[in-house]
Amino acid sequence: MSKKNLIPAKNIYIDIEGVILTRGGVPAQHLEKFLIYILKNYSVFWLTSRCDGDIGYTLSYLSKFVPEEILPLLKRIKPTKFAIDKTDAIDFNNRFFWLDDEIFASEKNALDKHDKYDSWIEIDLMKNPNQLIHLIHNKLYLN
């Protein structure tokens, strides 16, 4: 059995504002390295109101802010669809991380209900501009 088979499949769900882009619309520091890492090691899904089951609008929006060389990476992120709560698009049957700067109380309740509250990683790029690179080396590191 290869080492890769020993690592359980994990999903990562990511928001745009506050994760990919700072609140000022500037791409997060270390974004390219972060995207390369998570796309190599996880199944990555958009969990943003800027994706309604189709990444066309998502990519069009992001193309206004991110360097052109980042777009091919962003195209590899899978779409999700939800009505109000982002948790409606999460597959609770698989292990996951959810990267978001803030979540609703109802979403916190859904995470609690499924005993997955620790799967949410609060991103605060204002407080820690290097948070994405820290995640690669710590919380999201696969050994």
Protein backbone atom coordinates (compact mmCIF):
# COMPACT_ATOMS: atom_id res chain seq x y z
CA MET A 1 0.00 0.00 0.00
CA SER A 2 1.44 3.38 -0.97
CA LYS A 3 1.80 6.22 1.50
CA LYS A 4 -0.77 8.22 -0.45
CA ASN A 5 -3.41 5.54 0.20
CA LEU A 6 -2.91 5.96 3.95
CA ILE A 7 -4.10 9.59 3.87
CA PRO A 8 -7.88 9.89 4.01
CA ALA A 9 -9.42 12.04 1.30
CA LYS A 10 -10.27 15.50 2.52
CA ASN A 11 -12.21 18.36 1.07
CA ILE A 12 -11.45 22.03 1.44
CA TYR A 13 -14.17 24.62 1.03
CA ILE A 14 -13.02 28.20 0.46
CA ASP A 15 -14.62 31.60 0.40
CA ILE A 16 -13.36 34.47 -1.73
CA GLU A 17 -13.61 37.65 0.33
CA GLY A 18 -11.31 37.40 3.31
CA VAL A 19 -9.59 34.23 2.06
CA ILE A 20 -8.57 34.63 -1.60
CA LEU A 21 -8.91 38.41 -1.50
CA THR A 22 -8.37 40.77 1.39
CA ARG A 23 -11.32 42.97 2.29
CA GLY A 24 -9.73 45.63 0.07
CA GLY A 25 -9.86 43.33 -2.97
CA VAL A 26 -6.12 42.64 -2.96
CA PRO A 27 -5.04 39.02 -3.52
CA ALA A 28 -3.94 37.31 -0.31
CA GLN A 29 -0.22 36.99 0.29
CA HIS A 30 1.20 33.62 -0.81
CA LEU A 31 -1.99 32.91 -2.78
CA GLU A 32 -0.34 31.04 -5.65
CA LYS A 33 1.70 28.76 -3.37
CA PHE A 34 -1.38 28.15 -1.23
CA LEU A 35 -3.56 27.23 -4.22
CA ILE A 36 -0.92 24.91 -5.69
CA TYR A 37 -0.62 23.12 -2.34
CA ILE A 38 -4.32 22.64 -1.63
CA LEU A 39 -5.15 21.64 -5.21
CA LYS A 40 -2.41 19.01 -5.10
CA ASN A 41 -3.47 17.55 -1.74
CA TYR A 42 -7.23 18.06 -1.42
CA SER A 43 -10.49 18.23 -3.33
CA VAL A 44 -11.16 21.95 -3.32
CA PHE A 45 -14.59 23.58 -3.60
CA TRP A 46 -15.82 27.15 -3.77
CA LEU A 47 -18.04 28.03 -0.82
CA THR A 48 -18.98 31.58 -1.71
CA SER A 49 -22.04 33.52 -2.76
CA ARG A 50 -20.04 34.37 -5.91
CA CYS A 51 -20.45 30.79 -7.14
CA ASP A 52 -23.95 29.48 -7.77
CA GLY A 53 -23.12 26.07 -9.15
CA ASP A 54 -21.13 27.55 -12.06
CA ILE A 55 -17.60 28.91 -11.79
CA GLY A 56 -17.94 31.20 -14.83
CA TYR A 57 -19.14 34.15 -12.76
CA THR A 58 -16.61 33.33 -10.02
CA LEU A 59 -13.69 33.44 -12.45
CA SER A 60 -14.97 36.57 -14.17
CA TYR A 61 -15.17 38.31 -10.80
CA LEU A 62 -11.74 37.14 -9.63
CA SER A 63 -10.07 38.03 -12.94
CA LYS A 64 -10.54 41.70 -11.97
CA PHE A 65 -8.28 41.25 -8.93
CA VAL A 66 -5.82 38.36 -9.28
CA PRO A 67 -2.83 38.09 -11.62
CA GLU A 68 -3.58 36.24 -14.86
CA GLU A 69 -1.23 33.37 -13.95
CA ILE A 70 -3.45 32.53 -10.95
CA LEU A 71 -6.61 31.98 -13.05
CA PRO A 72 -5.71 28.44 -14.25
CA LEU A 73 -5.44 27.38 -10.60
CA LEU A 74 -8.77 28.98 -9.72
CA LYS A 75 -10.42 27.16 -12.65
CA ARG A 76 -9.59 23.84 -10.98
CA ILE A 77 -11.72 24.63 -7.92
CA LYS A 78 -15.09 22.87 -8.06
CA PRO A 79 -18.37 24.78 -7.81
CA THR A 80 -20.98 24.46 -5.08
CA LYS A 81 -24.52 25.71 -4.79
CA PHE A 82 -26.50 26.74 -1.72
CA ALA A 83 -29.50 28.94 -0.96
CA ILE A 84 -28.68 30.74 2.31
CA ASP A 85 -26.36 28.74 4.54
CA LYS A 86 -23.05 27.68 3.04
CA THR A 87 -23.23 24.53 5.15
CA ASP A 88 -25.98 23.28 2.81
CA ALA A 89 -23.24 22.67 0.21
CA ILE A 90 -20.84 20.84 2.54
CA ASP A 91 -20.51 17.07 2.33
CA PHE A 92 -20.54 16.16 6.04
CA ASN A 93 -19.80 12.51 5.22
CA ASN A 94 -16.20 13.37 4.30
CA ARG A 95 -13.51 15.02 6.37
CA PHE A 96 -13.12 18.68 5.45
CA PHE A 97 -11.74 22.08 6.25
CA TRP A 98 -13.78 25.21 5.63
CA LEU A 99 -11.77 28.41 5.22
CA ASP A 100 -13.85 31.53 5.78
CA ASP A 101 -13.46 34.85 7.53
CA GLU A 102 -16.89 34.71 9.15
CA ILE A 103 -19.87 32.40 9.32
CA PHE A 104 -23.50 32.78 10.38
CA ALA A 105 -24.79 31.49 13.71
CA SER A 106 -26.97 29.03 11.78
CA GLU A 107 -23.85 27.71 10.02
CA LYS A 108 -22.08 27.33 13.38
CA ASN A 109 -25.12 25.38 14.58
CA ALA A 110 -24.97 23.08 11.54
CA LEU A 111 -21.27 22.42 12.18
CA ASP A 112 -22.03 21.68 15.84
CA LYS A 113 -24.91 19.38 14.89
CA HIS A 114 -22.51 17.30 12.76
CA ASP A 115 -19.71 17.57 15.35
CA LYS A 116 -17.57 19.40 12.76
CA TYR A 117 -17.10 22.84 14.35
CA ASP A 118 -13.33 22.30 14.40
CA SER A 119 -13.41 21.92 10.61
CA TRP A 120 -13.97 25.65 10.22
CA ILE A 121 -10.73 27.63 10.05
CA GLU A 122 -11.31 31.31 10.65
CA ILE A 123 -9.23 33.35 8.25
CA ASP A 124 -8.19 36.86 9.29
CA LEU A 125 -5.79 38.26 6.71
CA MET A 126 -5.85 41.69 8.35
CA LYS A 127 -4.57 40.26 11.62
CA ASN A 128 -2.26 37.70 9.97
CA PRO A 129 -1.41 38.52 6.32
CA ASN A 130 0.73 35.34 6.17
CA GLN A 131 -2.05 33.06 7.37
CA LEU A 132 -2.32 31.08 4.12
CA ILE A 133 1.36 30.07 4.20
CA HIS A 134 1.06 29.23 7.90
CA LEU A 135 -1.87 26.93 7.09
CA ILE A 136 0.23 25.03 4.55
CA HIS A 137 2.93 24.39 7.13
CA ASN A 138 0.66 23.68 10.07
CA LYS A 139 -3.08 22.92 9.98
CA LEU A 140 -3.20 21.70 6.35
CA TYR A 141 0.18 19.96 6.37
CA LEU A 142 0.04 16.34 5.34
CA ASN A 143 2.90 14.25 6.62
